Amino acid sequence: MDDVTGRIPEFSTDSKPMTDNSLLDYVKSMDSDTITQLSRPDSSEVMQVMEHNVIGLLGGLPSGQFDVSVTTNRENLGRLLASAMMSGYFLRGAEQRLAFEERFSNTLFGEDFDTETDS
């Protein structure tokens, strides 16, 4: 449980690190190139949407004008991570679908255009 200061014992420097954290173990086992690829979206639009989403979840005070710090507990941090991951999966799927539809429509309209000009 959190102490009175709001610090989480698992994250403080004076406590033992957690031994059962399968997500952390999984991420640590990944190749650095894979992590880089997963961390960087293909389009700037997706990056802007993710940034807007996280700012909305955390609060939108500009850090240049305020000394912003976010304090949370393990459960809420997990929820934030889950929300960001779900948003990322959704946006990646939408990005792939858009690219597929654009390629499909270009192919379809390109063939129709070539057929009409040959007649």
Protein backbone atom coordinates (compact mmCIF):
# COMPACT_ATOMS: atom_id res chain seq x y z
CA MET A 1 0.00 0.00 0.00
CA ASP A 2 1.12 3.57 -0.59
CA ASP A 3 2.70 5.44 2.28
CA VAL A 4 1.50 8.84 3.50
CA THR A 5 3.68 10.76 1.03
CA GLY A 6 2.00 9.07 -1.91
CA ARG A 7 5.17 7.29 -2.96
CA ILE A 8 4.77 3.79 -4.21
CA PRO A 9 7.06 1.42 -2.30
CA GLU A 10 7.87 -0.55 -5.48
CA PHE A 11 9.24 2.57 -7.15
CA SER A 12 11.11 4.13 -4.25
CA THR A 13 14.85 3.69 -4.07
CA ASP A 14 14.86 2.32 -0.54
CA SER A 15 12.74 -0.75 -1.23
CA LYS A 16 13.42 -4.03 -3.01
CA PRO A 17 12.44 -4.20 -6.68
CA MET A 18 9.43 -6.29 -7.59
CA THR A 19 10.25 -9.79 -8.76
CA ASP A 20 6.95 -10.67 -10.46
CA ASN A 21 6.45 -8.15 -13.25
CA SER A 22 5.87 -10.11 -16.43
CA LEU A 23 5.24 -7.05 -18.63
CA LEU A 24 8.53 -5.48 -17.57
CA ASP A 25 10.34 -8.79 -18.09
CA TYR A 26 8.78 -9.12 -21.55
CA VAL A 27 9.78 -5.59 -22.59
CA LYS A 28 13.32 -6.11 -21.28
CA SER A 29 13.61 -9.32 -23.32
CA MET A 30 12.71 -7.54 -26.57
CA ASP A 31 15.32 -6.46 -29.08
CA SER A 32 16.02 -2.71 -28.99
CA ASP A 33 15.15 -2.38 -32.70
CA THR A 34 11.74 -3.92 -32.04
CA ILE A 35 11.08 -1.54 -29.17
CA THR A 36 12.09 1.41 -31.35
CA GLN A 37 9.80 0.25 -34.15
CA LEU A 38 6.87 -0.28 -31.78
CA SER A 39 7.45 3.06 -30.07
CA ARG A 40 7.42 5.15 -33.21
CA PRO A 41 4.24 5.33 -35.31
CA ASP A 42 4.48 5.43 -39.09
CA SER A 43 2.67 8.73 -39.45
CA SER A 44 2.87 12.06 -37.69
CA GLU A 45 -0.93 12.12 -37.45
CA VAL A 46 -0.94 9.03 -35.23
CA MET A 47 1.79 10.55 -33.08
CA GLN A 48 -0.28 13.71 -32.63
CA VAL A 49 -3.41 11.74 -31.70
CA MET A 50 -1.48 9.66 -29.14
CA GLU A 51 0.12 12.78 -27.69
CA HIS A 52 -3.28 14.48 -27.44
CA ASN A 53 -4.77 11.37 -25.80
CA VAL A 54 -2.05 11.11 -23.15
CA ILE A 55 -2.20 14.85 -22.43
CA GLY A 56 -5.96 14.52 -22.04
CA LEU A 57 -5.52 11.67 -19.58
CA LEU A 58 -2.84 13.43 -17.53
CA GLY A 59 -4.06 16.99 -17.76
CA GLY A 60 -3.08 19.70 -20.16
CA LEU A 61 -1.02 22.22 -18.22
CA PRO A 62 1.87 23.43 -20.40
CA SER A 63 5.09 22.29 -18.77
CA GLY A 64 6.92 25.44 -19.89
CA GLN A 65 4.76 27.65 -17.68
CA PHE A 66 4.14 25.28 -14.78
CA ASP A 67 6.21 22.87 -12.75
CA VAL A 68 4.15 19.82 -13.70
CA SER A 69 4.58 16.54 -11.89
CA VAL A 70 2.25 13.57 -12.00
CA THR A 71 1.86 11.31 -8.99
CA THR A 72 -0.08 8.09 -9.19
CA ASN A 73 -0.23 4.61 -7.78
CA ARG A 74 0.58 1.33 -9.45
CA GLU A 75 -3.03 0.50 -10.34
CA ASN A 76 -3.73 3.83 -12.01
CA LEU A 77 -0.41 3.74 -13.84
CA GLY A 78 -1.36 0.31 -15.15
CA ARG A 79 -4.69 1.67 -16.33
CA LEU A 80 -2.95 4.55 -18.09
CA LEU A 81 -0.58 2.12 -19.79
CA ALA A 82 -3.48 -0.13 -20.83
CA SER A 83 -5.39 2.84 -22.22
CA ALA A 84 -2.38 4.05 -24.19
CA MET A 85 -1.75 0.54 -25.54
CA MET A 86 -5.37 0.10 -26.61
CA SER A 87 -5.34 3.50 -28.30
CA GLY A 88 -2.12 2.55 -30.05
CA TYR A 89 -3.56 -0.75 -31.30
CA PHE A 90 -6.70 1.01 -32.50
CA LEU A 91 -4.77 3.77 -34.27
CA ARG A 92 -2.35 1.29 -35.85
CA GLY A 93 -5.28 -0.71 -37.20
CA ALA A 94 -6.92 2.45 -38.54
CA GLU A 95 -3.63 3.54 -40.10
CA GLN A 96 -3.20 0.16 -41.82
CA ARG A 97 -6.79 0.17 -43.05
CA LEU A 98 -6.43 3.68 -44.46
CA ALA A 99 -3.24 2.69 -46.29
CA PHE A 100 -4.96 -0.44 -47.65
CA GLU A 101 -8.00 1.53 -48.83
CA GLU A 102 -5.79 4.15 -50.48
CA ARG A 103 -3.81 1.47 -52.32
CA PHE A 104 -6.99 -0.35 -53.30
CA SER A 105 -8.72 2.79 -54.60
CA ASN A 106 -5.58 3.87 -56.49
CA THR A 107 -5.37 0.44 -58.11
CA LEU A 108 -9.08 0.36 -58.89
CA PHE A 109 -9.24 3.88 -60.28
CA GLY A 110 -5.94 3.44 -62.08
CA GLU A 111 -7.28 0.37 -63.93
CA ASP A 112 -10.57 2.10 -64.74
CA PHE A 113 -8.71 5.13 -66.03
CA ASP A 114 -6.43 2.99 -68.25
CA THR A 115 -9.41 1.03 -69.61
CA GLU A 116 -11.32 4.19 -70.53
CA THR A 117 -8.36 5.78 -72.31
CA ASP A 118 -7.70 2.63 -74.40
CA SER A 119 -11.24 2.63 -75.87
